[in-house]
C-alpha atoms as a PDB file:
ATOM      1  CA  MET A   1       0.000   0.000   0.000  1.00  0.00           C
ATOM      2  CA  ILE A   2       1.053   3.606  -0.490  1.00  0.00           C
ATOM      3  CA  PRO A   3       2.065   4.927   2.958  1.00  0.00           C
ATOM      4  CA  VAL A   4      -0.300   7.494   4.429  1.00  0.00           C
ATOM      5  CA  LEU A   5       1.026  10.318   6.587  1.00  0.00           C
ATOM      6  CA  VAL A   6      -1.587  12.308   8.479  1.00  0.00           C
ATOM      7  CA  PHE A   7      -0.097  15.396  10.106  1.00  0.00           C
ATOM      8  CA  ASP A   8      -0.932  18.328  12.337  1.00  0.00           C
ATOM      9  CA  ILE A   9       1.128  21.159  13.802  1.00  0.00           C
ATOM     10  CA  GLU A  10       0.872  23.374  16.865  1.00  0.00           C
ATOM     11  CA  THR A  11       2.331  26.869  16.859  1.00  0.00           C
ATOM     12  CA  ILE A  12       3.077  29.876  19.029  1.00  0.00           C
ATOM     13  CA  PRO A  13       3.958  33.465  18.060  1.00  0.00           C
ATOM     14  CA  ASP A  14       7.465  33.815  16.654  1.00  0.00           C
ATOM     15  CA  VAL A  15       8.617  36.327  19.274  1.00  0.00           C
ATOM     16  CA  ASN A  16      12.162  36.519  17.925  1.00  0.00           C
ATOM     17  CA  GLY A  17      10.826  37.248  14.456  1.00  0.00           C
ATOM     18  CA  LEU A  18       8.504  39.901  15.864  1.00  0.00           C
ATOM     19  CA  ARG A  19      11.426  41.556  17.660  1.00  0.00           C
ATOM     20  CA  ALA A  20      13.523  41.556  14.490  1.00  0.00           C
ATOM     21  CA  LEU A  21      10.807  42.900  12.197  1.00  0.00           C
ATOM     22  CA  ASN A  22       9.591  45.605  14.556  1.00  0.00           C
ATOM     23  CA  ALA A  23      12.922  46.577  16.175  1.00  0.00           C
ATOM     24  CA  TRP A  24      11.270  46.314  19.558  1.00  0.00           C
ATOM     25  CA  ASP A  25      13.265  46.776  22.759  1.00  0.00           C
ATOM     26  CA  ALA A  26      15.377  43.690  23.418  1.00  0.00           C
ATOM     27  CA  GLY A  27      14.441  44.056  27.076  1.00  0.00           C
ATOM     28  CA  LEU A  28      10.838  43.102  26.415  1.00  0.00           C
ATOM     29  CA  SER A  29       9.968  39.612  27.596  1.00  0.00           C
ATOM     30  CA  ASP A  30       8.509  37.046  25.218  1.00  0.00           C
ATOM     31  CA  VAL A  31       5.117  37.526  26.839  1.00  0.00           C
ATOM     32  CA  GLU A  32       5.299  41.289  26.401  1.00  0.00           C
ATOM     33  CA  VAL A  33       6.349  40.950  22.747  1.00  0.00           C
ATOM     34  CA  ALA A  34       3.500  38.555  22.025  1.00  0.00           C
ATOM     35  CA  GLN A  35       0.958  40.736  23.830  1.00  0.00           C
ATOM     36  CA  ARG A  36       2.044  43.819  21.899  1.00  0.00           C
ATOM     37  CA  ALA A  37       1.760  41.856  18.644  1.00  0.00           C
ATOM     38  CA  PHE A  38      -1.686  40.521  19.624  1.00  0.00           C
ATOM     39  CA  THR A  39      -2.917  44.026  20.420  1.00  0.00           C
ATOM     40  CA  GLU A  40      -1.689  45.437  17.099  1.00  0.00           C
ATOM     41  CA  ARG A  41      -3.164  42.479  15.238  1.00  0.00           C
ATOM     42  CA  VAL A  42      -6.584  42.977  16.838  1.00  0.00           C
ATOM     43  CA  GLU A  43      -6.520  46.669  15.960  1.00  0.00           C
ATOM     44  CA  LYS A  44      -5.657  45.826  12.361  1.00  0.00           C
ATOM     45  CA  THR A  45      -7.802  42.758  11.681  1.00  0.00           C
ATOM     46  CA  GLY A  46     -10.151  42.311  14.622  1.00  0.00           C
ATOM     47  CA  ARG A  47      -8.436  39.025  15.565  1.00  0.00           C
ATOM     48  CA  ASP A  48      -5.249  38.255  17.470  1.00  0.00           C
ATOM     49  CA  PHE A  49      -4.243  35.393  15.144  1.00  0.00           C
ATOM     50  CA  MET A  50      -0.695  35.894  13.882  1.00  0.00           C
ATOM     51  CA  PRO A  51       0.012  35.667  10.117  1.00  0.00           C
ATOM     52  CA  HIS A  52       1.469  32.394   8.888  1.00  0.00           C
ATOM     53  CA  HIS A  53       5.052  33.614   8.581  1.00  0.00           C
ATOM     54  CA  LEU A  54       5.058  34.713  12.225  1.00  0.00           C
ATOM     55  CA  GLN A  55       4.002  31.340  13.605  1.00  0.00           C
ATOM     56  CA  ARG A  56       6.675  29.176  15.260  1.00  0.00           C
ATOM     57  CA  ILE A  57       6.140  25.433  15.270  1.00  0.00           C
ATOM     58  CA  VAL A  58       6.420  23.716  18.653  1.00  0.00           C
ATOM     59  CA  ALA A  59       4.883  20.345  17.777  1.00  0.00           C
ATOM     60  CA  ILE A  60       4.313  18.194  14.692  1.00  0.00           C
ATOM     61  CA  SER A  61       2.326  15.023  15.246  1.00  0.00           C
ATOM     62  CA  CYS A  62       1.713  12.272  12.724  1.00  0.00           C
ATOM     63  CA  VAL A  63      -0.254   9.125  12.128  1.00  0.00           C
ATOM     64  CA  PHE A  64       1.671   6.853   9.767  1.00  0.00           C
ATOM     65  CA  ARG A  65      -0.078   3.908   8.099  1.00  0.00           C
ATOM     66  CA  ASP A  66       1.745   1.436   5.884  1.00  0.00           C
ATOM     67  CA  ASP A  67       2.005  -2.318   5.369  1.00  0.00           C
ATOM     68  CA  GLU A  68       3.725  -2.661   8.749  1.00  0.00           C
ATOM     69  CA  GLY A  69       0.805  -1.202  10.678  1.00  0.00           C
ATOM     70  CA  LEU A  70      -0.315   2.050  12.280  1.00  0.00           C
ATOM     71  CA  ARG A  71       1.857   4.406  14.327  1.00  0.00           C
ATOM     72  CA  VAL A  72       1.102   7.711  16.010  1.00  0.00           C
ATOM     73  CA  ARG A  73       3.711  10.000  17.525  1.00  0.00           C
ATOM     74  CA  SER A  74       5.121  13.488  17.667  1.00  0.00           C
ATOM     75  CA  LEU A  75       8.276  14.209  15.712  1.00  0.00           C
ATOM     76  CA  GLY A  76      11.497  14.840  17.597  1.00  0.00           C
ATOM     77  CA  ASN A  77      11.960  15.068  21.343  1.00  0.00           C
ATOM     78  CA  LEU A  78      10.875  17.653  23.898  1.00  0.00           C
ATOM     79  CA  GLY A  79      14.224  19.431  23.725  1.00  0.00           C
ATOM     80  CA  ASP A  80      14.408  19.659  19.928  1.00  0.00           C
ATOM     81  CA  GLY A  81      14.136  23.038  18.253  1.00  0.00           C
ATOM     82  CA  GLU A  82      11.821  24.036  15.451  1.00  0.00           C
ATOM     83  CA  ALA A  83      14.373  23.382  12.698  1.00  0.00           C
ATOM     84  CA  ARG A  84      14.693  19.728  13.742  1.00  0.00           C
ATOM     85  CA  LEU A  85      10.927  19.219  13.734  1.00  0.00           C
ATOM     86  CA  VAL A  86      10.504  20.770  10.294  1.00  0.00           C
ATOM     87  CA  GLN A  87      13.439  18.815   8.870  1.00  0.00           C
ATOM     88  CA  ASP A  88      12.069  15.557  10.290  1.00  0.00           C
ATOM     89  CA  PHE A  89       8.727  16.186   8.601  1.00  0.00           C
ATOM     90  CA  PHE A  90      10.192  16.831   5.167  1.00  0.00           C
ATOM     91  CA  ARG A  91      12.714  14.005   5.605  1.00  0.00           C
ATOM     92  CA  THR A  92       9.797  11.617   6.135  1.00  0.00           C
ATOM     93  CA  VAL A  93       8.217  12.836   2.903  1.00  0.00           C
ATOM     94  CA  GLU A  94      11.565  12.406   1.146  1.00  0.00           C
ATOM     95  CA  LYS A  95      11.947   8.835   2.391  1.00  0.00           C
ATOM     96  CA  TYR A  96       8.453   7.451   1.855  1.00  0.00           C
ATOM     97  CA  THR A  97       6.669   9.736  -0.683  1.00  0.00           C
ATOM     98  CA  PRO A  98       3.502   9.217   1.335  1.00  0.00           C
ATOM     99  CA  GLN A  99      -0.052  10.254   0.747  1.00  0.00           C
ATOM    100  CA  LEU A 100      -0.308  13.374   2.928  1.00  0.00           C
ATOM    101  CA  VAL A 101      -3.593  13.953   4.746  1.00  0.00           C
ATOM    102  CA  SER A 102      -4.567  16.962   6.838  1.00  0.00           C
ATOM    103  CA  TRP A 103      -7.472  19.022   8.085  1.00  0.00           C
ATOM    104  CA  ASN A 104      -6.938  22.570   6.837  1.00  0.00           C
ATOM    105  CA  GLY A 105      -3.334  21.685   6.005  1.00  0.00           C
ATOM    106  CA  GLY A 106      -3.521  23.665   2.780  1.00  0.00           C
ATOM    107  CA  GLY A 107      -4.818  26.727   4.593  1.00  0.00           C
ATOM    108  CA  PHE A 108      -2.536  26.644   7.610  1.00  0.00           C
ATOM    109  CA  ASP A 109      -0.142  23.778   8.369  1.00  0.00           C
ATOM    110  CA  LEU A 110       1.678  23.561   5.050  1.00  0.00           C
ATOM    111  CA  PRO A 111       2.099  27.320   4.491  1.00  0.00           C
ATOM    112  CA  VAL A 112       3.587  27.565   7.987  1.00  0.00           C
ATOM    113  CA  LEU A 113       5.883  24.618   7.256  1.00  0.00           C
ATOM    114  CA  HIS A 114       6.925  26.327   4.009  1.00  0.00           C
ATOM    115  CA  TYR A 115       7.837  29.589   5.713  1.00  0.00           C
ATOM    116  CA  ARG A 116       9.632  27.927   8.616  1.00  0.00           C
ATOM    117  CA  GLY A 117      11.497  25.626   6.261  1.00  0.00           C
ATOM    118  CA  LEU A 118      12.641  28.695   4.336  1.00  0.00           C
ATOM    119  CA  VAL A 119      13.740  30.450   7.535  1.00  0.00           C
ATOM    120  CA  HIS A 120      15.807  27.447   8.647  1.00  0.00           C
ATOM    121  CA  GLY A 121      17.294  26.560   5.257  1.00  0.00           C
ATOM    122  CA  ILE A 122      15.555  23.166   5.103  1.00  0.00           C
ATOM    123  CA  GLN A 123      15.896  21.049   1.963  1.00  0.00           C
ATOM    124  CA  ALA A 124      12.755  19.267   0.736  1.00  0.00           C
ATOM    125  CA  GLY A 125      13.292  18.328  -2.899  1.00  0.00           C
ATOM    126  CA  ARG A 126      10.748  15.509  -3.063  1.00  0.00           C
ATOM    127  CA  TYR A 127       8.033  17.604  -1.503  1.00  0.00           C
ATOM    128  CA  TRP A 128       8.562  20.493  -3.923  1.00  0.00           C
ATOM    129  CA  ASP A 129       8.847  18.338  -7.049  1.00  0.00           C
ATOM    130  CA  LEU A 130       6.420  19.606  -9.709  1.00  0.00           C
ATOM    131  CA  GLY A 131       7.525  17.122 -12.350  1.00  0.00           C
ATOM    132  CA  GLU A 132      11.142  18.149 -12.836  1.00  0.00           C
ATOM    133  CA  ASP A 133      12.490  14.916 -11.284  1.00  0.00           C
ATOM    134  CA  ASP A 134       9.458  12.622 -11.435  1.00  0.00           C
ATOM    135  CA  ARG A 135       7.048  13.068 -14.341  1.00  0.00           C
ATOM    136  CA  ASP A 136       4.167  11.694 -12.261  1.00  0.00           C
ATOM    137  CA  PHE A 137       4.490  14.729 -10.030  1.00  0.00           C
ATOM    138  CA  LYS A 138       3.563  17.020 -12.914  1.00  0.00           C
ATOM    139  CA  TRP A 139       0.026  15.668 -12.737  1.00  0.00           C
ATOM    140  CA  ASN A 140      -0.214  14.888  -9.025  1.00  0.00           C
ATOM    141  CA  ASN A 141       2.024  16.707  -6.564  1.00  0.00           C
ATOM    142  CA  TYR A 142       1.970  18.000  -3.016  1.00  0.00           C
ATOM    143  CA  ILE A 143       1.607  21.645  -3.986  1.00  0.00           C
ATOM    144  CA  SER A 144      -1.396  21.993  -6.304  1.00  0.00           C
ATOM    145  CA  ARG A 145      -4.665  22.531  -4.484  1.00  0.00           C
ATOM    146  CA  TYR A 146      -6.716  20.170  -6.628  1.00  0.00           C
ATOM    147  CA  HIS A 147      -4.205  17.326  -6.677  1.00  0.00           C
ATOM    148  CA  THR A 148      -4.546  14.540  -4.115  1.00  0.00           C
ATOM    149  CA  ARG A 149      -0.974  13.688  -3.155  1.00  0.00           C
ATOM    150  CA  HIS A 150      -1.775  16.078  -0.336  1.00  0.00           C
ATOM    151  CA  LEU A 151      -5.427  15.682   0.640  1.00  0.00           C
ATOM    152  CA  ASP A 152      -6.792  18.532   2.721  1.00  0.00           C
ATOM    153  CA  LEU A 153      -9.962  16.877   3.962  1.00  0.00           C
ATOM    154  CA  MET A 154     -11.551  20.095   5.185  1.00  0.00           C
ATOM    155  CA  ASP A 155     -10.984  21.832   1.871  1.00  0.00           C
ATOM    156  CA  LEU A 156     -12.210  18.929  -0.245  1.00  0.00           C
ATOM    157  CA  LEU A 157     -15.323  18.165   1.801  1.00  0.00           C
ATOM    158  CA  ALA A 158     -16.273  21.853   1.630  1.00  0.00           C
ATOM    159  CA  MET A 159     -15.863  21.759  -2.177  1.00  0.00           C
ATOM    160  CA  TYR A 160     -13.112  24.390  -1.793  1.00  0.00           C
ATOM    161  CA  GLN A 161     -15.674  26.895  -0.475  1.00  0.00           C
ATOM    162  CA  PRO A 162     -14.455  28.564   2.746  1.00  0.00           C
ATOM    163  CA  ARG A 163     -18.004  29.334   3.853  1.00  0.00           C
ATOM    164  CA  ALA A 164     -18.769  25.596   3.803  1.00  0.00           C
ATOM    165  CA  SER A 165     -15.770  24.593   5.945  1.00  0.00           C
ATOM    166  CA  ALA A 166     -16.378  22.623   9.136  1.00  0.00           C
ATOM    167  CA  PRO A 167     -14.160  22.312  12.239  1.00  0.00           C
ATOM    168  CA  LEU A 168     -12.403  19.004  12.809  1.00  0.00           C
ATOM    169  CA  ASP A 169     -13.671  18.743  16.383  1.00  0.00           C
ATOM    170  CA  ALA A 170     -17.283  18.944  15.243  1.00  0.00           C
ATOM    171  CA  MET A 171     -16.892  16.488  12.372  1.00  0.00           C
ATOM    172  CA  ALA A 172     -14.989  13.979  14.506  1.00  0.00           C
ATOM    173  CA  LYS A 173     -17.703  14.041  17.170  1.00  0.00           C
ATOM    174  CA  LEU A 174     -20.499  13.849  14.591  1.00  0.00           C
ATOM    175  CA  CYS A 175     -18.832  10.718  13.225  1.00  0.00           C
ATOM    176  CA  GLY A 176     -18.675   9.175  16.697  1.00  0.00           C
ATOM    177  CA  PHE A 177     -15.000   9.854  17.407  1.00  0.00           C
ATOM    178  CA  PRO A 178     -13.662  11.607  20.537  1.00  0.00           C
ATOM    179  CA  GLY A 179     -12.775  15.015  19.083  1.00  0.00           C
ATOM    180  CA  LYS A 180     -10.643  17.448  21.061  1.00  0.00           C
ATOM    181  CA  LEU A 181      -9.787  16.685  24.673  1.00  0.00           C
ATOM    182  CA  GLY A 182      -9.050  19.500  27.114  1.00  0.00           C
ATOM    183  CA  MET A 183      -7.222  21.884  24.778  1.00  0.00           C
ATOM    184  CA  ASP A 184      -7.556  23.717  21.505  1.00  0.00           C
ATOM    185  CA  GLY A 185      -5.275  25.850  19.380  1.00  0.00           C
ATOM    186  CA  SER A 186      -6.184  29.048  21.205  1.00  0.00           C
ATOM    187  CA  LYS A 187      -4.760  27.654  24.459  1.00  0.00           C
ATOM    188  CA  VAL A 188      -1.390  26.536  23.095  1.00  0.00           C
ATOM    189  CA  TRP A 189       0.455  29.816  23.731  1.00  0.00           C
ATOM    190  CA  GLN A 190      -0.573  29.901  27.404  1.00  0.00           C
ATOM    191  CA  ALA A 191       0.245  26.211  27.785  1.00  0.00           C
ATOM    192  CA  TYR A 192       3.681  26.817  26.279  1.00  0.00           C
ATOM    193  CA  GLN A 193       4.334  29.683  28.715  1.00  0.00           C
ATOM    194  CA  ASP A 194       3.368  27.335  31.543  1.00  0.00           C
ATOM    195  CA  GLY A 195       5.981  24.803  30.444  1.00  0.00           C
ATOM    196  CA  GLN A 196       3.406  22.321  29.177  1.00  0.00           C
ATOM    197  CA  LEU A 197       5.109  21.311  25.921  1.00  0.00           C
ATOM    198  CA  ALA A 198       4.469  17.615  26.624  1.00  0.00           C
ATOM    199  CA  GLU A 199       0.757  18.359  27.001  1.00  0.00           C
ATOM    200  CA  ILE A 200       0.797  20.325  23.737  1.00  0.00           C
ATOM    201  CA  ARG A 201       2.359  17.361  21.951  1.00  0.00           C
ATOM    202  CA  ASN A 202      -0.229  15.018  23.476  1.00  0.00           C
ATOM    203  CA  TYR A 203      -3.048  17.285  22.320  1.00  0.00           C
ATOM    204  CA  CYS A 204      -1.561  17.440  18.830  1.00  0.00           C
ATOM    205  CA  GLU A 205      -1.388  13.638  18.724  1.00  0.00           C
ATOM    206  CA  THR A 206      -5.055  13.226  19.629  1.00  0.00           C
ATOM    207  CA  ASP A 207      -5.990  15.797  17.000  1.00  0.00           C
ATOM    208  CA  VAL A 208      -4.068  13.963  14.296  1.00  0.00           C
ATOM    209  CA  MET A 209      -5.742  10.708  15.349  1.00  0.00           C
ATOM    210  CA  ASN A 210      -9.113  12.426  14.914  1.00  0.00           C
ATOM    211  CA  THR A 211      -8.026  13.373  11.402  1.00  0.00           C
ATOM    212  CA  TRP A 212      -6.983   9.791  10.627  1.00  0.00           C
ATOM    213  CA  LEU A 213     -10.330   8.418  11.785  1.00  0.00           C
ATOM    214  CA  VAL A 214     -12.290  10.967   9.762  1.00  0.00           C
ATOM    215  CA  TYR A 215     -10.079  10.123   6.764  1.00  0.00           C
ATOM    216  CA  CYS A 216     -10.975   6.439   7.161  1.00  0.00           C
ATOM    217  CA  ARG A 217     -14.659   7.393   7.178  1.00  0.00           C
ATOM    218  CA  PHE A 218     -14.076   9.454   4.040  1.00  0.00           C
ATOM    219  CA  GLN A 219     -12.379   6.486   2.369  1.00  0.00           C
ATOM    220  CA  LEU A 220     -15.448   4.398   3.227  1.00  0.00           C
ATOM    221  CA  MET A 221     -17.735   7.053   1.742  1.00  0.00           C
ATOM    222  CA  ARG A 222     -15.803   7.297  -1.509  1.00  0.00           C
ATOM    223  CA  GLY A 223     -15.556   3.519  -1.913  1.00  0.00           C
ATOM    224  CA  ALA A 224     -11.823   3.212  -1.371  1.00  0.00           C
ATOM    225  CA  LEU A 225     -12.546   1.070   1.704  1.00  0.00           C
ATOM    226  CA  SER A 226     -15.209  -1.613   1.887  1.00  0.00           C
ATOM    227  CA  SER A 227     -17.314  -1.801   5.042  1.00  0.00           C
ATOM    228  CA  SER A 228     -15.204  -4.691   6.339  1.00  0.00           C
ATOM    229  CA  ALA A 229     -11.928  -2.937   5.463  1.00  0.00           C
ATOM    230  CA  TYR A 230     -13.145   0.216   7.225  1.00  0.00           C
ATOM    231  CA  GLU A 231     -14.048  -1.744  10.357  1.00  0.00           C
ATOM    232  CA  ALA A 232     -10.617  -3.383  10.237  1.00  0.00           C
ATOM    233  CA  GLU A 233      -8.934   0.054  10.188  1.00  0.00           C
ATOM    234  CA  ILE A 234     -11.030   1.246  13.117  1.00  0.00           C
ATOM    235  CA  THR A 235     -10.203  -1.896  15.071  1.00  0.00           C
ATOM    236  CA  LEU A 236      -6.523  -1.456  14.267  1.00  0.00           C
ATOM    237  CA  ALA A 237      -6.655   2.131  15.543  1.00  0.00           C
ATOM    238  CA  ARG A 238      -8.350   1.094  18.792  1.00  0.00           C
ATOM    239  CA  ASN A 239      -5.923  -1.759  19.381  1.00  0.00           C
ATOM    240  CA  THR A 240      -2.904   0.401  18.570  1.00  0.00           C
ATOM    241  CA  LEU A 241      -3.967   3.060  21.071  1.00  0.00           C
ATOM    242  CA  ALA A 242      -4.840   0.467  23.718  1.00  0.00           C
ATOM    243  CA  ASN A 243      -1.241  -0.766  23.592  1.00  0.00           C
ATOM    244  CA  LEU A 244       0.229   2.697  24.181  1.00  0.00           C
ATOM    245  CA  PRO A 245       1.094   3.502  27.817  1.00  0.00           C
ATOM    246  CA  ASP A 246       0.501   7.256  27.691  1.00  0.00           C
ATOM    247  CA  PRO A 247      -2.395   8.553  29.833  1.00  0.00           C
ATOM    248  CA  HIS A 248      -3.784  10.769  27.083  1.00  0.00           C
ATOM    249  CA  TRP A 249      -4.557   7.689  24.985  1.00  0.00           C
ATOM    250  CA  LYS A 250      -6.418   6.084  27.860  1.00  0.00           C
ATOM    251  CA  GLU A 251      -8.492   9.264  28.148  1.00  0.00           C
ATOM    252  CA  TYR A 252      -9.020   9.267  24.393  1.00  0.00           C
ATOM    253  CA  LEU A 253     -10.262   5.678  24.363  1.00  0.00           C
ATOM    254  CA  GLN A 254     -12.582   6.362  27.281  1.00  0.00           C
ATOM    255  CA  ALA A 255     -14.134   9.208  25.277  1.00  0.00           C
ATOM    256  CA  TRP A 256     -14.492   6.947  22.241  1.00  0.00           C
ATOM    257  CA  SER A 257     -17.823   5.297  22.900  1.00  0.00           C
END
């Protein structure tokens, strides 16, 4: 089977980038820099959400499905910097040429990965191939919105109409899956300030598992999975999580009625 890589990222404001671009006083703390940026952003746009190029990645979590089974984990270790996480992601694409799956990955995750890869000088030749090295990539690559080598489930299900987009949490719960547990993207910055990077990674992992489960349901709907094959994937997911020792997976399974 073609390997499938479902991915999700968590981000915080790039305070060093904000300092550099705005020439703000080096004596300002990270919290003060972020708060000043939030205030200016609200005045300008009505929202405090930072633009893509001023997001710093603190977690990348993946579900990987291939002939050897199903794995879910966050890339890198707690002490690894952003550059390592971004490089690990693109190195995985380079090694396996997987089917990428995301929820709003085209609108958020991948643009952020692009900008941060550029900032850190990351090489990602396979990912950026538009047919120069592999002719198949001319007609199906990771970059073009309407190609499926990267499948943005949110975008596709909404027929590429932003007003029709649905949140992952809602769709996961409507399909009978757990959805988000205890955190959402708006709480990541505060959690990071509180030293809760492990909890952020755990949250990201449960979110990417939600995406995988919704993707399996989508594959059932489009006929790529038979009913029995779909049930086998769901059973595999349950069994895989049941064998993981981490408390957040026990909580996730308890919420999965």
